[in-house]
Amino acid sequence: YDINYGPAEIIQNGVNGCLVPNGDSHSLYVTLANLLQDQPKLQEFSAHAQAVATKYSFTNVRAKWQQFLKQEGLWQ
């Protein structure tokens, strides 16, 4: 669901997934039904999702936290 935090920062609608309006279960159902019938689109989403996943790897997230902590004077 497209909510105020999280998903829209990770999912590029139509590129590596689909965002549906928050709480709209019918839209979620239709989107999933369409995706399950479109194998090429699923493969495309999967390929793009792999690239985005590296952004959130342990190594990258740790580096961002260390950078932030150093910037704030909380890490030496």
C-alpha atoms as a PDB file:
ATOM      1  CA  TYR A   1       0.000   0.000   0.000  1.00  0.00           C
ATOM      2  CA  ASP A   2       1.103   3.559  -0.707  1.00  0.00           C
ATOM      3  CA  ILE A   3       1.304   4.909   2.830  1.00  0.00           C
ATOM      4  CA  ASN A   4       3.055   7.943   4.299  1.00  0.00           C
ATOM      5  CA  TYR A   5       6.278   6.124   5.133  1.00  0.00           C
ATOM      6  CA  GLY A   6       8.380   3.327   3.711  1.00  0.00           C
ATOM      7  CA  PRO A   7       7.002   1.758   0.556  1.00  0.00           C
ATOM      8  CA  ALA A   8       7.244   4.772  -1.748  1.00  0.00           C
ATOM      9  CA  GLU A   9      10.887   5.197  -0.750  1.00  0.00           C
ATOM     10  CA  ILE A  10      11.666   1.652  -1.858  1.00  0.00           C
ATOM     11  CA  ILE A  11       9.176   0.938  -4.624  1.00  0.00           C
ATOM     12  CA  GLN A  12       9.220   2.866  -7.879  1.00  0.00           C
ATOM     13  CA  ASN A  13       5.656   2.372  -9.046  1.00  0.00           C
ATOM     14  CA  GLY A  14       5.636   0.482 -12.335  1.00  0.00           C
ATOM     15  CA  VAL A  15       9.415  -0.080 -12.264  1.00  0.00           C
ATOM     16  CA  ASN A  16      10.139  -2.505  -9.428  1.00  0.00           C
ATOM     17  CA  GLY A  17       6.654  -2.979  -8.020  1.00  0.00           C
ATOM     18  CA  CYS A  18       3.222  -1.476  -7.683  1.00  0.00           C
ATOM     19  CA  LEU A  19       1.878   0.921  -5.116  1.00  0.00           C
ATOM     20  CA  VAL A  20      -1.854   0.822  -4.525  1.00  0.00           C
ATOM     21  CA  PRO A  21      -3.912   3.331  -2.555  1.00  0.00           C
ATOM     22  CA  ASN A  22      -3.812   2.743   1.179  1.00  0.00           C
ATOM     23  CA  GLY A  23      -6.606   0.460   2.319  1.00  0.00           C
ATOM     24  CA  ASP A  24      -7.968  -0.145  -1.178  1.00  0.00           C
ATOM     25  CA  SER A  25      -8.222  -3.932  -1.054  1.00  0.00           C
ATOM     26  CA  HIS A  26      -9.994  -4.104  -4.420  1.00  0.00           C
ATOM     27  CA  SER A  27      -7.135  -2.247  -6.109  1.00  0.00           C
ATOM     28  CA  LEU A  28      -4.665  -4.588  -4.400  1.00  0.00           C
ATOM     29  CA  TYR A  29      -6.615  -7.617  -5.647  1.00  0.00           C
ATOM     30  CA  VAL A  30      -6.802  -6.303  -9.231  1.00  0.00           C
ATOM     31  CA  THR A  31      -3.103  -5.363  -9.241  1.00  0.00           C
ATOM     32  CA  LEU A  32      -2.044  -8.781  -7.943  1.00  0.00           C
ATOM     33  CA  ALA A  33      -4.335 -10.604 -10.370  1.00  0.00           C
ATOM     34  CA  ASN A  34      -2.899  -8.627 -13.291  1.00  0.00           C
ATOM     35  CA  LEU A  35       0.680  -9.221 -12.184  1.00  0.00           C
ATOM     36  CA  LEU A  36       0.178 -12.947 -11.753  1.00  0.00           C
ATOM     37  CA  GLN A  37      -0.930 -13.091 -15.384  1.00  0.00           C
ATOM     38  CA  ASP A  38       2.016 -11.050 -16.683  1.00  0.00           C
ATOM     39  CA  GLN A  39       5.192 -13.108 -16.293  1.00  0.00           C
ATOM     40  CA  PRO A  40       7.399 -10.642 -18.249  1.00  0.00           C
ATOM     41  CA  LYS A  41       6.314  -7.783 -15.943  1.00  0.00           C
ATOM     42  CA  LEU A  42       7.051  -9.917 -12.863  1.00  0.00           C
ATOM     43  CA  GLN A  43      10.525 -10.693 -14.220  1.00  0.00           C
ATOM     44  CA  GLU A  44      11.106  -6.993 -14.932  1.00  0.00           C
ATOM     45  CA  PHE A  45      10.020  -6.029 -11.409  1.00  0.00           C
ATOM     46  CA  SER A  46      12.257  -8.733  -9.969  1.00  0.00           C
ATOM     47  CA  ALA A  47      15.308  -7.530 -11.903  1.00  0.00           C
ATOM     48  CA  HIS A  48      14.781  -3.944 -10.796  1.00  0.00           C
ATOM     49  CA  ALA A  49      14.028  -4.979  -7.211  1.00  0.00           C
ATOM     50  CA  GLN A  50      17.395  -6.724  -6.957  1.00  0.00           C
ATOM     51  CA  ALA A  51      19.154  -3.471  -7.803  1.00  0.00           C
ATOM     52  CA  VAL A  52      17.180  -1.535  -5.206  1.00  0.00           C
ATOM     53  CA  ALA A  53      17.764  -4.219  -2.560  1.00  0.00           C
ATOM     54  CA  THR A  54      21.508  -3.550  -2.590  1.00  0.00           C
ATOM     55  CA  LYS A  55      20.801  -0.007  -1.427  1.00  0.00           C
ATOM     56  CA  TYR A  56      19.405  -1.512   1.779  1.00  0.00           C
ATOM     57  CA  SER A  57      22.090  -4.154   2.315  1.00  0.00           C
ATOM     58  CA  PHE A  58      23.637  -4.447   5.763  1.00  0.00           C
ATOM     59  CA  THR A  59      26.909  -2.982   4.502  1.00  0.00           C
ATOM     60  CA  ASN A  60      25.291   0.075   2.937  1.00  0.00           C
ATOM     61  CA  VAL A  61      22.945   0.762   5.845  1.00  0.00           C
ATOM     62  CA  ARG A  62      25.801   0.380   8.341  1.00  0.00           C
ATOM     63  CA  ALA A  63      27.913   2.835   6.354  1.00  0.00           C
ATOM     64  CA  LYS A  64      25.077   5.371   6.299  1.00  0.00           C
ATOM     65  CA  TRP A  65      24.592   5.048  10.067  1.00  0.00           C
ATOM     66  CA  GLN A  66      28.316   5.443  10.712  1.00  0.00           C
ATOM     67  CA  GLN A  67      28.394   8.523   8.506  1.00  0.00           C
ATOM     68  CA  PHE A  68      25.421  10.002  10.355  1.00  0.00           C
ATOM     69  CA  LEU A  69      26.888   9.246  13.788  1.00  0.00           C
ATOM     70  CA  LYS A  70      30.244  10.767  12.840  1.00  0.00           C
ATOM     71  CA  GLN A  71      28.511  13.843  11.447  1.00  0.00           C
ATOM     72  CA  GLU A  72      26.612  14.251  14.713  1.00  0.00           C
ATOM     73  CA  GLY A  73      29.773  13.755  16.778  1.00  0.00           C
ATOM     74  CA  LEU A  74      28.517  10.498  18.250  1.00  0.00           C
ATOM     75  CA  TRP A  75      31.109   8.234  16.595  1.00  0.00           C
ATOM     76  CA  GLN A  76      34.830   8.617  16.437  1.00  0.00           C
END
